[in-house]
Amino acid sequence: MSKRINRLEDWLTAGDASQQLSEKMGFRVPPQYIRSLAKSKRQPVRVQSLGYHQLYHKDDILACKVKQKIKREGE
């Protein structure tokens, strides 16, 4: 049985993941939301920790579906 090698191209920073998801969805997705996706159990995103920084798996980010937050008049 062979293991798949973790290539660096398969991993994104929160900023890069935010940018790619924003392009896919057509509206801005903040990097903080990427971090909360990784913590949620609803849409699991694989995370690799590099000391202080965290990387998010590219395939998991692109598979996510995000709804745009509706802004109310008073806000």
PDB file of N, CA and C in Angstrom:
ATOM      1  N   MET A   1       0.845  -1.173   0.000  1.00  0.00           N
ATOM      2  CA  MET A   1       0.000   0.000   0.000  1.00  0.00           C
ATOM      3  C   MET A   1       0.896   1.242   0.000  1.00  0.00           C
ATOM      4  N   SER A   2       0.672   2.135  -0.907  1.00  0.00           N
ATOM      5  CA  SER A   2       1.503   3.336  -0.978  1.00  0.00           C
ATOM      6  C   SER A   2       0.764   4.534  -0.407  1.00  0.00           C
ATOM      7  N   LYS A   3       1.475   5.350   0.311  1.00  0.00           N
ATOM      8  CA  LYS A   3       0.906   6.575   0.859  1.00  0.00           C
ATOM      9  C   LYS A   3       1.082   7.703  -0.136  1.00  0.00           C
ATOM     10  N   ARG A   4       0.137   8.592  -0.180  1.00  0.00           N
ATOM     11  CA  ARG A   4       0.260   9.754  -1.040  1.00  0.00           C
ATOM     12  C   ARG A   4       1.176  10.756  -0.350  1.00  0.00           C
ATOM     13  N   ILE A   5       2.110  11.287  -1.091  1.00  0.00           N
ATOM     14  CA  ILE A   5       3.065  12.232  -0.530  1.00  0.00           C
ATOM     15  C   ILE A   5       2.394  13.595  -0.407  1.00  0.00           C
ATOM     16  N   ASN A   6       2.546  14.235   0.742  1.00  0.00           N
ATOM     17  CA  ASN A   6       2.019  15.582   0.936  1.00  0.00           C
ATOM     18  C   ASN A   6       2.917  16.567   0.217  1.00  0.00           C
ATOM     19  N   ARG A   7       2.411  17.113  -0.869  1.00  0.00           N
ATOM     20  CA  ARG A   7       3.169  18.103  -1.618  1.00  0.00           C
ATOM     21  C   ARG A   7       2.777  19.485  -1.126  1.00  0.00           C
ATOM     22  N   LEU A   8       3.718  20.381  -1.153  1.00  0.00           N
ATOM     23  CA  LEU A   8       3.477  21.745  -0.677  1.00  0.00           C
ATOM     24  C   LEU A   8       2.469  22.473  -1.556  1.00  0.00           C
ATOM     25  N   GLU A   9       2.361  22.096  -2.846  1.00  0.00           N
ATOM     26  CA  GLU A   9       1.407  22.755  -3.747  1.00  0.00           C
ATOM     27  C   GLU A   9      -0.045  22.456  -3.370  1.00  0.00           C
ATOM     28  N   ASP A  10      -0.269  21.388  -2.605  1.00  0.00           N
ATOM     29  CA  ASP A  10      -1.628  21.005  -2.210  1.00  0.00           C
ATOM     30  C   ASP A  10      -2.134  21.774  -0.999  1.00  0.00           C
ATOM     31  N   TRP A  11      -1.302  22.619  -0.411  1.00  0.00           N
ATOM     32  CA  TRP A  11      -1.660  23.322   0.809  1.00  0.00           C
ATOM     33  C   TRP A  11      -1.654  24.832   0.587  1.00  0.00           C
ATOM     34  N   LEU A  12      -2.576  25.538   1.236  1.00  0.00           N
ATOM     35  CA  LEU A  12      -2.721  26.987   1.101  1.00  0.00           C
ATOM     36  C   LEU A  12      -2.696  27.658   2.465  1.00  0.00           C
ATOM     37  N   THR A  13      -2.230  28.891   2.504  1.00  0.00           N
ATOM     38  CA  THR A  13      -2.362  29.688   3.717  1.00  0.00           C
ATOM     39  C   THR A  13      -3.797  30.195   3.794  1.00  0.00           C
ATOM     40  N   ALA A  14      -4.182  30.762   4.919  1.00  0.00           N
ATOM     41  CA  ALA A  14      -5.549  31.271   5.081  1.00  0.00           C
ATOM     42  C   ALA A  14      -5.835  32.389   4.071  1.00  0.00           C
ATOM     43  N   GLY A  15      -4.865  33.242   3.812  1.00  0.00           N
ATOM     44  CA  GLY A  15      -5.052  34.332   2.857  1.00  0.00           C
ATOM     45  C   GLY A  15      -5.242  33.823   1.437  1.00  0.00           C
ATOM     46  N   ASP A  16      -4.418  32.854   1.034  1.00  0.00           N
ATOM     47  CA  ASP A  16      -4.547  32.281  -0.306  1.00  0.00           C
ATOM     48  C   ASP A  16      -5.853  31.509  -0.459  1.00  0.00           C
ATOM     49  N   ALA A  17      -6.222  30.765   0.574  1.00  0.00           N
ATOM     50  CA  ALA A  17      -7.473  30.012   0.546  1.00  0.00           C
ATOM     51  C   ALA A  17      -8.665  30.958   0.462  1.00  0.00           C
ATOM     52  N   SER A  18      -8.584  32.071   1.180  1.00  0.00           N
ATOM     53  CA  SER A  18      -9.633  33.073   1.143  1.00  0.00           C
ATOM     54  C   SER A  18      -9.781  33.657  -0.256  1.00  0.00           C
ATOM     55  N   GLN A  19      -8.659  33.939  -0.889  1.00  0.00           N
ATOM     56  CA  GLN A  19      -8.679  34.516  -2.232  1.00  0.00           C
ATOM     57  C   GLN A  19      -9.274  33.534  -3.245  1.00  0.00           C
ATOM     58  N   GLN A  20      -8.881  32.278  -3.187  1.00  0.00           N
ATOM     59  CA  GLN A  20      -9.402  31.289  -4.134  1.00  0.00           C
ATOM     60  C   GLN A  20     -10.879  31.030  -3.920  1.00  0.00           C
ATOM     61  N   LEU A  21     -11.314  30.965  -2.661  1.00  0.00           N
ATOM     62  CA  LEU A  21     -12.729  30.746  -2.372  1.00  0.00           C
ATOM     63  C   LEU A  21     -13.553  31.958  -2.764  1.00  0.00           C
ATOM     64  N   SER A  22     -13.009  33.164  -2.608  1.00  0.00           N
ATOM     65  CA  SER A  22     -13.703  34.384  -3.019  1.00  0.00           C
ATOM     66  C   SER A  22     -13.900  34.413  -4.531  1.00  0.00           C
ATOM     67  N   GLU A  23     -12.884  34.008  -5.289  1.00  0.00           N
ATOM     68  CA  GLU A  23     -13.006  33.963  -6.748  1.00  0.00           C
ATOM     69  C   GLU A  23     -14.045  32.943  -7.175  1.00  0.00           C
ATOM     70  N   LYS A  24     -14.085  31.821  -6.491  1.00  0.00           N
ATOM     71  CA  LYS A  24     -15.033  30.761  -6.836  1.00  0.00           C
ATOM     72  C   LYS A  24     -16.476  31.182  -6.530  1.00  0.00           C
ATOM     73  N   MET A  25     -16.691  31.814  -5.368  1.00  0.00           N
ATOM     74  CA  MET A  25     -18.050  32.137  -4.924  1.00  0.00           C
ATOM     75  C   MET A  25     -18.556  33.456  -5.500  1.00  0.00           C
ATOM     76  N   GLY A  26     -17.666  34.375  -5.868  1.00  0.00           N
ATOM     77  CA  GLY A  26     -18.103  35.638  -6.438  1.00  0.00           C
ATOM     78  C   GLY A  26     -18.304  36.750  -5.424  1.00  0.00           C
ATOM     79  N   PHE A  27     -17.951  36.515  -4.179  1.00  0.00           N
ATOM     80  CA  PHE A  27     -17.998  37.541  -3.140  1.00  0.00           C
ATOM     81  C   PHE A  27     -16.840  37.300  -2.184  1.00  0.00           C
ATOM     82  N   ARG A  28     -16.535  38.306  -1.377  1.00  0.00           N
ATOM     83  CA  ARG A  28     -15.370  38.240  -0.502  1.00  0.00           C
ATOM     84  C   ARG A  28     -15.599  37.275   0.663  1.00  0.00           C
ATOM     85  N   VAL A  29     -14.636  36.401   0.868  1.00  0.00           N
ATOM     86  CA  VAL A  29     -14.627  35.478   2.004  1.00  0.00           C
ATOM     87  C   VAL A  29     -13.387  35.818   2.830  1.00  0.00           C
ATOM     88  N   PRO A  30     -13.543  36.275   4.069  1.00  0.00           N
ATOM     89  CA  PRO A  30     -12.375  36.680   4.868  1.00  0.00           C
ATOM     90  C   PRO A  30     -11.549  35.482   5.353  1.00  0.00           C
ATOM     91  N   PRO A  31     -10.251  35.698   5.587  1.00  0.00           N
ATOM     92  CA  PRO A  31      -9.385  34.612   6.084  1.00  0.00           C
ATOM     93  C   PRO A  31      -9.845  34.054   7.436  1.00  0.00           C
ATOM     94  N   GLN A  32     -10.491  34.877   8.244  1.00  0.00           N
ATOM     95  CA  GLN A  32     -10.990  34.398   9.530  1.00  0.00           C
ATOM     96  C   GLN A  32     -12.033  33.294   9.329  1.00  0.00           C
ATOM     97  N   TYR A  33     -12.793  33.393   8.240  1.00  0.00           N
ATOM     98  CA  TYR A  33     -13.805  32.374   7.962  1.00  0.00           C
ATOM     99  C   TYR A  33     -13.143  31.047   7.597  1.00  0.00           C
ATOM    100  N   ILE A  34     -12.000  31.093   6.928  1.00  0.00           N
ATOM    101  CA  ILE A  34     -11.266  29.870   6.586  1.00  0.00           C
ATOM    102  C   ILE A  34     -10.828  29.168   7.866  1.00  0.00           C
ATOM    103  N   ARG A  35     -10.371  29.940   8.828  1.00  0.00           N
ATOM    104  CA  ARG A  35      -9.961  29.358  10.115  1.00  0.00           C
ATOM    105  C   ARG A  35     -11.147  28.726  10.839  1.00  0.00           C
ATOM    106  N   SER A  36     -12.308  29.367  10.772  1.00  0.00           N
ATOM    107  CA  SER A  36     -13.481  28.799  11.433  1.00  0.00           C
ATOM    108  C   SER A  36     -13.985  27.558  10.697  1.00  0.00           C
ATOM    109  N   LEU A  37     -13.806  27.497   9.370  1.00  0.00           N
ATOM    110  CA  LEU A  37     -14.159  26.285   8.622  1.00  0.00           C
ATOM    111  C   LEU A  37     -13.330  25.096   9.091  1.00  0.00           C
ATOM    112  N   ALA A  38     -12.065  25.337   9.352  1.00  0.00           N
ATOM    113  CA  ALA A  38     -11.176  24.262   9.782  1.00  0.00           C
ATOM    114  C   ALA A  38     -11.577  23.729  11.153  1.00  0.00           C
ATOM    115  N   LYS A  39     -12.130  24.581  11.984  1.00  0.00           N
ATOM    116  CA  LYS A  39     -12.540  24.151  13.326  1.00  0.00           C
ATOM    117  C   LYS A  39     -13.909  23.486  13.328  1.00  0.00           C
ATOM    118  N   SER A  40     -14.745  23.765  12.318  1.00  0.00           N
ATOM    119  CA  SER A  40     -16.106  23.227  12.300  1.00  0.00           C
ATOM    120  C   SER A  40     -16.103  21.761  11.878  1.00  0.00           C
ATOM    121  N   LYS A  41     -17.122  21.060  12.277  1.00  0.00           N
ATOM    122  CA  LYS A  41     -17.256  19.657  11.914  1.00  0.00           C
ATOM    123  C   LYS A  41     -18.206  19.492  10.728  1.00  0.00           C
ATOM    124  N   ARG A  42     -18.882  20.539  10.352  1.00  0.00           N
ATOM    125  CA  ARG A  42     -19.846  20.483   9.251  1.00  0.00           C
ATOM    126  C   ARG A  42     -19.147  20.336   7.895  1.00  0.00           C
ATOM    127  N   GLN A  43     -18.134  21.123   7.646  1.00  0.00           N
ATOM    128  CA  GLN A  43     -17.335  21.049   6.417  1.00  0.00           C
ATOM    129  C   GLN A  43     -15.880  20.881   6.821  1.00  0.00           C
ATOM    130  N   PRO A  44     -15.453  19.653   7.066  1.00  0.00           N
ATOM    131  CA  PRO A  44     -14.084  19.463   7.564  1.00  0.00           C
ATOM    132  C   PRO A  44     -13.026  19.853   6.535  1.00  0.00           C
ATOM    133  N   VAL A  45     -12.024  20.557   6.992  1.00  0.00           N
ATOM    134  CA  VAL A  45     -10.895  20.976   6.169  1.00  0.00           C
ATOM    135  C   VAL A  45      -9.638  20.449   6.850  1.00  0.00           C
ATOM    136  N   ARG A  46      -8.818  19.736   6.103  1.00  0.00           N
ATOM    137  CA  ARG A  46      -7.576  19.218   6.662  1.00  0.00           C
ATOM    138  C   ARG A  46      -6.613  20.374   6.921  1.00  0.00           C
ATOM    139  N   VAL A  47      -5.978  20.318   8.067  1.00  0.00           N
ATOM    140  CA  VAL A  47      -5.065  21.382   8.489  1.00  0.00           C
ATOM    141  C   VAL A  47      -3.704  20.770   8.782  1.00  0.00           C
ATOM    142  N   GLN A  48      -2.656  21.458   8.337  1.00  0.00           N
ATOM    143  CA  GLN A  48      -1.299  21.053   8.664  1.00  0.00           C
ATOM    144  C   GLN A  48      -0.644  22.229   9.375  1.00  0.00           C
ATOM    145  N   SER A  49      -0.137  21.988  10.554  1.00  0.00           N
ATOM    146  CA  SER A  49       0.450  23.044  11.350  1.00  0.00           C
ATOM    147  C   SER A  49       1.951  23.127  11.095  1.00  0.00           C
ATOM    148  N   LEU A  50       2.416  24.342  10.850  1.00  0.00           N
ATOM    149  CA  LEU A  50       3.847  24.608  10.691  1.00  0.00           C
ATOM    150  C   LEU A  50       4.256  25.617  11.752  1.00  0.00           C
ATOM    151  N   GLY A  51       4.364  25.156  12.978  1.00  0.00           N
ATOM    152  CA  GLY A  51       4.689  26.057  14.076  1.00  0.00           C
ATOM    153  C   GLY A  51       3.526  27.002  14.340  1.00  0.00           C
ATOM    154  N   TYR A  52       3.766  28.283  14.117  1.00  0.00           N
ATOM    155  CA  TYR A  52       2.741  29.295  14.361  1.00  0.00           C
ATOM    156  C   TYR A  52       1.734  29.363  13.211  1.00  0.00           C
ATOM    157  N   HIS A  53       2.133  28.957  12.016  1.00  0.00           N
ATOM    158  CA  HIS A  53       1.284  29.055  10.833  1.00  0.00           C
ATOM    159  C   HIS A  53       0.527  27.760  10.596  1.00  0.00           C
ATOM    160  N   GLN A  54      -0.634  27.876   9.952  1.00  0.00           N
ATOM    161  CA  GLN A  54      -1.400  26.707   9.583  1.00  0.00           C
ATOM    162  C   GLN A  54      -1.663  26.736   8.088  1.00  0.00           C
ATOM    163  N   LEU A  55      -1.612  25.559   7.485  1.00  0.00           N
ATOM    164  CA  LEU A  55      -1.913  25.419   6.070  1.00  0.00           C
ATOM    165  C   LEU A  55      -3.181  24.602   5.921  1.00  0.00           C
ATOM    166  N   TYR A  56      -3.976  24.916   4.904  1.00  0.00           N
ATOM    167  CA  TYR A  56      -5.270  24.283   4.677  1.00  0.00           C
ATOM    168  C   TYR A  56      -5.225  23.553   3.344  1.00  0.00           C
ATOM    169  N   HIS A  57      -5.807  22.359   3.277  1.00  0.00           N
ATOM    170  CA  HIS A  57      -5.726  21.545   2.073  1.00  0.00           C
ATOM    171  C   HIS A  57      -6.559  22.164   0.952  1.00  0.00           C
ATOM    172  N   LYS A  58      -5.950  22.295  -0.207  1.00  0.00           N
ATOM    173  CA  LYS A  58      -6.542  22.989  -1.352  1.00  0.00           C
ATOM    174  C   LYS A  58      -7.843  22.321  -1.822  1.00  0.00           C
ATOM    175  N   ASP A  59      -7.864  20.992  -1.902  1.00  0.00           N
ATOM    176  CA  ASP A  59      -9.061  20.286  -2.366  1.00  0.00           C
ATOM    177  C   ASP A  59     -10.236  20.489  -1.418  1.00  0.00           C
ATOM    178  N   ASP A  60      -9.959  20.509  -0.108  1.00  0.00           N
ATOM    179  CA  ASP A  60     -11.031  20.721   0.874  1.00  0.00           C
ATOM    180  C   ASP A  60     -11.595  22.139   0.783  1.00  0.00           C
ATOM    181  N   ILE A  61     -10.727  23.115   0.559  1.00  0.00           N
ATOM    182  CA  ILE A  61     -11.176  24.506   0.439  1.00  0.00           C
ATOM    183  C   ILE A  61     -12.042  24.688  -0.796  1.00  0.00           C
ATOM    184  N   LEU A  62     -11.609  24.134  -1.920  1.00  0.00           N
ATOM    185  CA  LEU A  62     -12.368  24.291  -3.158  1.00  0.00           C
ATOM    186  C   LEU A  62     -13.675  23.504  -3.153  1.00  0.00           C
ATOM    187  N   ALA A  63     -13.796  22.508  -2.282  1.00  0.00           N
ATOM    188  CA  ALA A  63     -15.032  21.737  -2.176  1.00  0.00           C
ATOM    189  C   ALA A  63     -16.068  22.420  -1.284  1.00  0.00           C
ATOM    190  N   CYS A  64     -15.665  23.438  -0.536  1.00  0.00           N
ATOM    191  CA  CYS A  64     -16.569  24.132   0.380  1.00  0.00           C
ATOM    192  C   CYS A  64     -17.579  24.973  -0.385  1.00  0.00           C
ATOM    193  N   LYS A  65     -18.766  25.043   0.180  1.00  0.00           N
ATOM    194  CA  LYS A  65     -19.802  25.920  -0.355  1.00  0.00           C
ATOM    195  C   LYS A  65     -20.167  26.908   0.734  1.00  0.00           C
ATOM    196  N   VAL A  66     -20.111  28.185   0.402  1.00  0.00           N
ATOM    197  CA  VAL A  66     -20.320  29.248   1.381  1.00  0.00           C
ATOM    198  C   VAL A  66     -21.487  30.100   0.925  1.00  0.00           C
ATOM    199  N   LYS A  67     -22.365  30.433   1.853  1.00  0.00           N
ATOM    200  CA  LYS A  67     -23.471  31.343   1.550  1.00  0.00           C
ATOM    201  C   LYS A  67     -23.051  32.755   1.913  1.00  0.00           C
ATOM    202  N   GLN A  68     -23.505  33.709   1.113  1.00  0.00           N
ATOM    203  CA  GLN A  68     -23.196  35.097   1.396  1.00  0.00           C
ATOM    204  C   GLN A  68     -24.068  35.574   2.549  1.00  0.00           C
ATOM    205  N   LYS A  69     -23.434  36.305   3.474  1.00  0.00           N
ATOM    206  CA  LYS A  69     -24.149  36.831   4.623  1.00  0.00           C
ATOM    207  C   LYS A  69     -25.046  37.968   4.168  1.00  0.00           C
ATOM    208  N   ILE A  70     -26.294  37.941   4.581  1.00  0.00           N
ATOM    209  CA  ILE A  70     -27.258  38.971   4.211  1.00  0.00           C
ATOM    210  C   ILE A  70     -27.107  40.155   5.164  1.00  0.00           C
ATOM    211  N   LYS A  71     -26.910  41.342   4.611  1.00  0.00           N
ATOM    212  CA  LYS A  71     -26.777  42.533   5.435  1.00  0.00           C
ATOM    213  C   LYS A  71     -28.146  43.137   5.664  1.00  0.00           C
ATOM    214  N   ARG A  72     -28.411  43.463   6.906  1.00  0.00           N
ATOM    215  CA  ARG A  72     -29.684  44.083   7.266  1.00  0.00           C
ATOM    216  C   ARG A  72     -29.529  45.600   7.219  1.00  0.00           C
ATOM    217  N   GLU A  73     -30.642  46.312   7.161  1.00  0.00           N
ATOM    218  CA  GLU A  73     -30.593  47.762   7.030  1.00  0.00           C
ATOM    219  C   GLU A  73     -29.957  48.459   8.216  1.00  0.00           C
ATOM    220  N   GLY A  74     -30.168  48.002   9.411  1.00  0.00           N
ATOM    221  CA  GLY A  74     -29.674  48.660  10.615  1.00  0.00           C
ATOM    222  C   GLY A  74     -28.192  48.438  10.867  1.00  0.00           C
ATOM    223  N   GLU A  75     -27.542  47.586  10.123  1.00  0.00           N
ATOM    224  CA  GLU A  75     -26.145  47.252  10.408  1.00  0.00           C
ATOM    225  C   GLU A  75     -25.185  48.006   9.540  1.00  0.00           C
TER     226      GLU A  75
END
